[in-house]
Every structure is written in C-alpha cells, then in structure tokens.
C-alpha cells in the first residue's frame, strides 16, 4: 500500500508542477489535483482505481496516464532526467538537507 501511495504522490506532484500549482500539505494533494485543468483524460478514475485496488494492472494504467501525457524529459528520448529526480527526491533527500518528499 505504501508503494501505491508513493507512486500516486509522485505522479500527482508531476502534474501539479506541470500546471504551476502548489498544494499546502499531503491532505490537500487530492483537492489540488482535482482543481488543475491540464491533466490526462481519465486521470482521476485511474488514481482512484489504483488507490483502492493496488495491483500491477491498476499501477500500469495509472502510470501510463502520467507517462503519456507530456514529454517529461524535456525533449530527450531517455527517461534519465525523470528517474534522476525521483532518486533525488526519494533516496537522497537526506543529502540535500531538506525533508523527505512525503513530509513536504
């Protein structure tokens, strides 16, 4: 269940950043996501399905919504930029002297 919530958190933060939107705290995340206009068609239903039934199929459906929405790599073909950001936010947070992503 924690893995599903982390994937939902990271994917939703990507969309919020893409929309130049902030959210006040973890409890405000879903409300902020509902308010943004630019998001993949069917994103909300994929998010709910994955949150309520975390399995490989619902995870893939949710991740495809995010991955296929825009070019997250800034024009590069490889995904190293996105993966590097994920590692920085989730594994190297202590090195940058800031709170863990889930605590922002």
N, C-alpha and C. Protein backbone atom coordinates (compact mmCIF):
# COMPACT_ATOMS: atom_id res chain seq x y z
N UNK A 1 0.81 -1.19 0.00
CA UNK A 1 0.00 0.00 0.00
C UNK A 1 0.86 1.26 0.00
N UNK A 2 1.99 1.22 0.71
CA UNK A 2 2.85 2.40 0.74
C UNK A 2 3.42 2.70 -0.64
N UNK A 3 3.77 1.66 -1.36
CA UNK A 3 4.30 1.87 -2.71
C UNK A 3 3.27 2.56 -3.58
N UNK A 4 2.03 2.13 -3.50
CA UNK A 4 0.96 2.75 -4.29
C UNK A 4 0.81 4.22 -3.92
N UNK A 5 0.84 4.53 -2.64
CA UNK A 5 0.67 5.93 -2.23
C UNK A 5 1.86 6.78 -2.68
N UNK A 6 3.06 6.21 -2.68
CA UNK A 6 4.23 6.96 -3.15
C UNK A 6 4.14 7.22 -4.65
N UNK A 7 3.69 6.24 -5.41
CA UNK A 7 3.53 6.42 -6.86
C UNK A 7 2.47 7.48 -7.14
N UNK A 8 1.37 7.43 -6.43
CA UNK A 8 0.31 8.43 -6.59
C UNK A 8 0.82 9.81 -6.21
N UNK A 9 1.56 9.90 -5.12
CA UNK A 9 2.13 11.18 -4.69
C UNK A 9 3.05 11.75 -5.76
N UNK A 10 3.99 10.93 -6.24
CA UNK A 10 4.96 11.42 -7.21
C UNK A 10 4.29 11.81 -8.52
N UNK A 11 3.37 10.97 -9.01
CA UNK A 11 2.66 11.29 -10.25
C UNK A 11 1.83 12.55 -10.14
N UNK A 12 1.16 12.70 -9.02
CA UNK A 12 0.32 13.88 -8.81
C UNK A 12 1.17 15.14 -8.69
N UNK A 13 2.32 15.03 -8.03
CA UNK A 13 3.22 16.18 -7.93
C UNK A 13 3.75 16.59 -9.30
N UNK A 14 4.00 15.61 -10.17
CA UNK A 14 4.42 15.94 -11.53
C UNK A 14 3.37 16.79 -12.23
N UNK A 15 2.12 16.36 -12.12
CA UNK A 15 1.03 17.10 -12.77
C UNK A 15 0.85 18.49 -12.16
N UNK A 16 0.97 18.58 -10.84
CA UNK A 16 0.85 19.88 -10.19
C UNK A 16 1.98 20.81 -10.63
N UNK A 17 3.19 20.30 -10.71
CA UNK A 17 4.31 21.11 -11.17
C UNK A 17 4.11 21.53 -12.63
N UNK A 18 3.63 20.62 -13.44
CA UNK A 18 3.35 20.93 -14.85
C UNK A 18 2.32 22.05 -14.97
N UNK A 19 1.40 22.12 -14.05
CA UNK A 19 0.36 23.16 -14.03
C UNK A 19 0.75 24.38 -13.20
N UNK A 20 1.98 24.40 -12.69
CA UNK A 20 2.47 25.50 -11.86
C UNK A 20 1.57 25.71 -10.64
N UNK A 21 1.16 24.63 -10.03
CA UNK A 21 0.28 24.67 -8.85
C UNK A 21 1.01 24.13 -7.63
N UNK A 22 0.72 24.72 -6.50
CA UNK A 22 1.25 24.24 -5.22
C UNK A 22 0.12 23.62 -4.43
N UNK A 23 0.48 22.81 -3.46
CA UNK A 23 -0.53 22.30 -2.54
C UNK A 23 0.01 22.45 -1.13
N UNK A 24 -0.85 22.77 -0.18
CA UNK A 24 -0.40 23.14 1.16
C UNK A 24 0.18 22.00 1.98
N UNK A 25 -0.33 20.79 1.83
CA UNK A 25 0.13 19.66 2.63
C UNK A 25 -0.40 18.38 1.99
N UNK A 26 0.04 17.24 2.53
CA UNK A 26 -0.37 15.97 1.95
C UNK A 26 -1.89 15.82 1.91
N UNK A 27 -2.56 16.29 2.92
CA UNK A 27 -4.02 16.14 2.94
C UNK A 27 -4.69 17.00 1.88
N UNK A 28 -4.00 18.01 1.38
CA UNK A 28 -4.55 18.86 0.33
C UNK A 28 -4.19 18.43 -1.08
N UNK A 29 -3.43 17.34 -1.20
CA UNK A 29 -2.97 16.90 -2.52
C UNK A 29 -4.12 16.57 -3.46
N UNK A 30 -5.02 15.73 -3.03
CA UNK A 30 -6.10 15.30 -3.92
C UNK A 30 -7.01 16.45 -4.32
N UNK A 31 -7.25 17.37 -3.39
CA UNK A 31 -8.06 18.55 -3.73
C UNK A 31 -7.35 19.41 -4.77
N UNK A 32 -6.05 19.56 -4.63
CA UNK A 32 -5.28 20.34 -5.60
C UNK A 32 -5.29 19.68 -6.97
N UNK A 33 -5.16 18.36 -6.99
CA UNK A 33 -5.17 17.63 -8.27
C UNK A 33 -6.53 17.77 -8.94
N UNK A 34 -7.58 17.72 -8.18
CA UNK A 34 -8.93 17.87 -8.77
C UNK A 34 -9.12 19.24 -9.41
N UNK A 35 -8.47 20.27 -8.86
CA UNK A 35 -8.65 21.64 -9.36
C UNK A 35 -7.90 21.93 -10.65
N UNK A 36 -6.79 21.24 -10.89
CA UNK A 36 -6.00 21.58 -12.08
C UNK A 36 -6.75 21.23 -13.35
N UNK A 37 -6.56 22.06 -14.36
CA UNK A 37 -7.27 21.87 -15.62
C UNK A 37 -6.51 20.95 -16.58
N UNK A 38 -5.20 21.09 -16.61
CA UNK A 38 -4.40 20.30 -17.55
C UNK A 38 -3.95 19.01 -16.89
N UNK A 39 -4.64 17.94 -17.19
CA UNK A 39 -4.27 16.62 -16.70
C UNK A 39 -4.78 15.59 -17.71
N UNK A 40 -4.24 14.40 -17.68
CA UNK A 40 -4.66 13.38 -18.65
C UNK A 40 -6.14 13.03 -18.49
N UNK A 41 -6.78 12.78 -19.61
CA UNK A 41 -8.19 12.33 -19.58
C UNK A 41 -8.23 10.99 -18.83
N UNK A 42 -9.13 10.89 -17.88
CA UNK A 42 -9.27 9.66 -17.11
C UNK A 42 -8.28 9.51 -15.96
N UNK A 43 -7.51 10.58 -15.70
CA UNK A 43 -6.51 10.50 -14.63
C UNK A 43 -7.14 10.23 -13.27
N UNK A 44 -8.20 10.96 -12.96
CA UNK A 44 -8.82 10.83 -11.64
C UNK A 44 -9.33 9.42 -11.41
N UNK A 45 -10.00 8.84 -12.39
CA UNK A 45 -10.53 7.48 -12.22
C UNK A 45 -9.39 6.46 -12.11
N UNK A 46 -8.29 6.68 -12.85
CA UNK A 46 -7.14 5.78 -12.73
C UNK A 46 -6.49 5.90 -11.35
N UNK A 47 -6.43 7.11 -10.82
CA UNK A 47 -5.88 7.33 -9.48
C UNK A 47 -6.72 6.60 -8.43
N UNK A 48 -8.03 6.77 -8.49
CA UNK A 48 -8.91 6.13 -7.51
C UNK A 48 -8.83 4.61 -7.62
N UNK A 49 -8.83 4.10 -8.83
CA UNK A 49 -8.74 2.65 -9.03
C UNK A 49 -7.45 2.10 -8.45
N UNK A 50 -6.34 2.77 -8.70
CA UNK A 50 -5.05 2.32 -8.18
C UNK A 50 -5.00 2.42 -6.66
N UNK A 51 -5.54 3.50 -6.10
CA UNK A 51 -5.54 3.67 -4.64
C UNK A 51 -6.39 2.61 -3.95
N UNK A 52 -7.53 2.29 -4.53
CA UNK A 52 -8.44 1.33 -3.90
C UNK A 52 -8.08 -0.12 -4.20
N UNK A 53 -7.46 -0.37 -5.34
CA UNK A 53 -7.10 -1.74 -5.75
C UNK A 53 -5.67 -1.75 -6.28
N UNK A 54 -4.67 -1.61 -5.39
CA UNK A 54 -3.29 -1.58 -5.86
C UNK A 54 -2.82 -2.95 -6.35
N UNK A 55 -2.70 -3.07 -7.64
CA UNK A 55 -2.22 -4.30 -8.27
C UNK A 55 -1.41 -3.88 -9.49
N UNK A 56 -0.67 -4.79 -10.10
CA UNK A 56 0.15 -4.42 -11.26
C UNK A 56 -0.66 -3.77 -12.39
N UNK A 57 -1.87 -4.24 -12.62
CA UNK A 57 -2.67 -3.70 -13.72
C UNK A 57 -3.11 -2.25 -13.46
N UNK A 58 -3.59 -1.98 -12.24
CA UNK A 58 -4.03 -0.61 -11.93
C UNK A 58 -2.83 0.33 -11.85
N UNK A 59 -1.68 -0.18 -11.40
CA UNK A 59 -0.46 0.64 -11.37
C UNK A 59 -0.07 1.04 -12.79
N UNK A 60 -0.05 0.06 -13.69
CA UNK A 60 0.32 0.35 -15.08
C UNK A 60 -0.63 1.35 -15.72
N UNK A 61 -1.92 1.19 -15.48
CA UNK A 61 -2.91 2.11 -16.05
C UNK A 61 -2.67 3.53 -15.53
N UNK A 62 -2.41 3.66 -14.23
CA UNK A 62 -2.15 4.97 -13.64
C UNK A 62 -0.87 5.58 -14.21
N UNK A 63 0.19 4.79 -14.24
CA UNK A 63 1.49 5.30 -14.72
C UNK A 63 1.43 5.67 -16.20
N UNK A 64 0.69 4.92 -17.00
CA UNK A 64 0.55 5.25 -18.42
C UNK A 64 -0.14 6.60 -18.61
N UNK A 65 -1.09 6.92 -17.75
CA UNK A 65 -1.77 8.22 -17.83
C UNK A 65 -0.76 9.35 -17.67
N UNK A 66 0.14 9.21 -16.72
CA UNK A 66 1.12 10.25 -16.46
C UNK A 66 2.20 10.26 -17.53
N UNK A 67 2.75 9.10 -17.81
CA UNK A 67 3.87 9.00 -18.75
C UNK A 67 3.47 9.46 -20.14
N UNK A 68 2.28 9.15 -20.58
CA UNK A 68 1.86 9.51 -21.92
C UNK A 68 1.30 10.91 -22.06
N UNK A 69 1.19 11.64 -20.97
CA UNK A 69 0.55 12.96 -21.01
C UNK A 69 1.41 14.02 -21.69
N UNK A 70 2.68 14.05 -21.39
CA UNK A 70 3.58 15.05 -21.97
C UNK A 70 4.99 14.47 -22.02
N UNK A 71 5.88 15.19 -22.64
CA UNK A 71 7.27 14.76 -22.71
C UNK A 71 7.98 15.26 -21.45
N UNK A 72 8.04 14.41 -20.45
CA UNK A 72 8.63 14.80 -19.16
C UNK A 72 10.14 14.94 -19.22
N UNK A 73 10.78 14.48 -20.30
CA UNK A 73 12.24 14.51 -20.38
C UNK A 73 12.77 15.79 -21.00
N UNK A 74 11.90 16.71 -21.37
CA UNK A 74 12.36 17.97 -21.94
C UNK A 74 12.91 17.82 -23.35
N UNK A 75 12.40 16.88 -24.11
CA UNK A 75 12.84 16.68 -25.48
C UNK A 75 13.85 15.57 -25.65
N UNK A 76 14.37 15.06 -24.57
CA UNK A 76 15.32 13.95 -24.66
C UNK A 76 14.54 12.65 -24.77
N UNK A 77 15.12 11.69 -25.43
CA UNK A 77 14.45 10.41 -25.62
C UNK A 77 14.56 9.51 -24.38
N UNK A 78 15.61 9.66 -23.61
CA UNK A 78 15.77 8.80 -22.44
C UNK A 78 15.03 9.38 -21.24
N UNK A 79 14.74 8.54 -20.31
CA UNK A 79 13.98 8.97 -19.13
C UNK A 79 14.88 9.25 -17.94
N UNK A 80 16.18 9.39 -18.16
CA UNK A 80 17.11 9.55 -17.03
C UNK A 80 16.83 10.81 -16.22
N UNK A 81 16.34 11.86 -16.85
CA UNK A 81 16.07 13.10 -16.11
C UNK A 81 14.96 12.90 -15.08
N UNK A 82 13.89 12.23 -15.49
CA UNK A 82 12.79 11.97 -14.56
C UNK A 82 13.23 11.00 -13.48
N UNK A 83 13.94 9.95 -13.86
CA UNK A 83 14.39 8.96 -12.88
C UNK A 83 15.39 9.57 -11.91
N UNK A 84 16.26 10.45 -12.39
CA UNK A 84 17.21 11.12 -11.50
C UNK A 84 16.47 11.96 -10.47
N UNK A 85 15.44 12.68 -10.90
CA UNK A 85 14.66 13.49 -9.96
C UNK A 85 13.99 12.62 -8.91
N UNK A 86 13.48 11.46 -9.35
CA UNK A 86 12.84 10.54 -8.41
C UNK A 86 13.85 10.08 -7.35
N UNK A 87 15.05 9.73 -7.78
CA UNK A 87 16.09 9.28 -6.84
C UNK A 87 16.45 10.42 -5.89
N UNK A 88 16.63 11.63 -6.42
CA UNK A 88 16.96 12.77 -5.56
C UNK A 88 15.87 13.02 -4.52
N UNK A 89 14.62 12.94 -4.93
CA UNK A 89 13.51 13.23 -4.02
C UNK A 89 13.26 12.12 -3.01
N UNK A 90 13.52 10.88 -3.39
CA UNK A 90 13.13 9.76 -2.54
C UNK A 90 14.27 9.02 -1.86
N UNK A 91 15.48 9.13 -2.39
CA UNK A 91 16.58 8.39 -1.80
C UNK A 91 17.71 9.28 -1.30
N UNK A 92 17.90 10.43 -1.89
CA UNK A 92 19.00 11.31 -1.49
C UNK A 92 18.51 12.54 -0.74
N UNK A 93 17.28 12.51 -0.28
CA UNK A 93 16.72 13.68 0.41
C UNK A 93 17.58 14.11 1.59
N UNK A 94 18.17 13.17 2.31
CA UNK A 94 18.97 13.48 3.49
C UNK A 94 20.25 14.22 3.10
N UNK A 95 20.76 13.98 1.91
CA UNK A 95 22.00 14.60 1.45
C UNK A 95 21.79 16.08 1.14
N UNK A 96 20.61 16.45 0.74
CA UNK A 96 20.31 17.83 0.35
C UNK A 96 19.83 18.67 1.53
N UNK A 97 19.82 18.09 2.72
CA UNK A 97 19.42 18.80 3.94
C UNK A 97 18.03 19.42 3.81
N UNK A 98 17.09 18.60 3.43
CA UNK A 98 15.70 19.02 3.35
C UNK A 98 14.83 17.85 3.75
N UNK A 99 13.57 18.08 4.03
CA UNK A 99 12.69 16.99 4.45
C UNK A 99 12.48 15.95 3.35
N UNK A 100 12.16 14.77 3.76
CA UNK A 100 11.79 13.70 2.86
C UNK A 100 10.56 14.13 2.06
N UNK A 101 10.49 13.76 0.79
CA UNK A 101 9.41 14.20 -0.10
C UNK A 101 8.03 13.99 0.51
N UNK A 102 7.80 12.86 1.13
CA UNK A 102 6.49 12.56 1.70
C UNK A 102 6.14 13.49 2.87
N UNK A 103 7.12 14.21 3.41
CA UNK A 103 6.87 15.11 4.52
C UNK A 103 6.75 16.57 4.09
N UNK A 104 6.88 16.86 2.80
CA UNK A 104 6.80 18.25 2.33
C UNK A 104 5.42 18.78 2.51
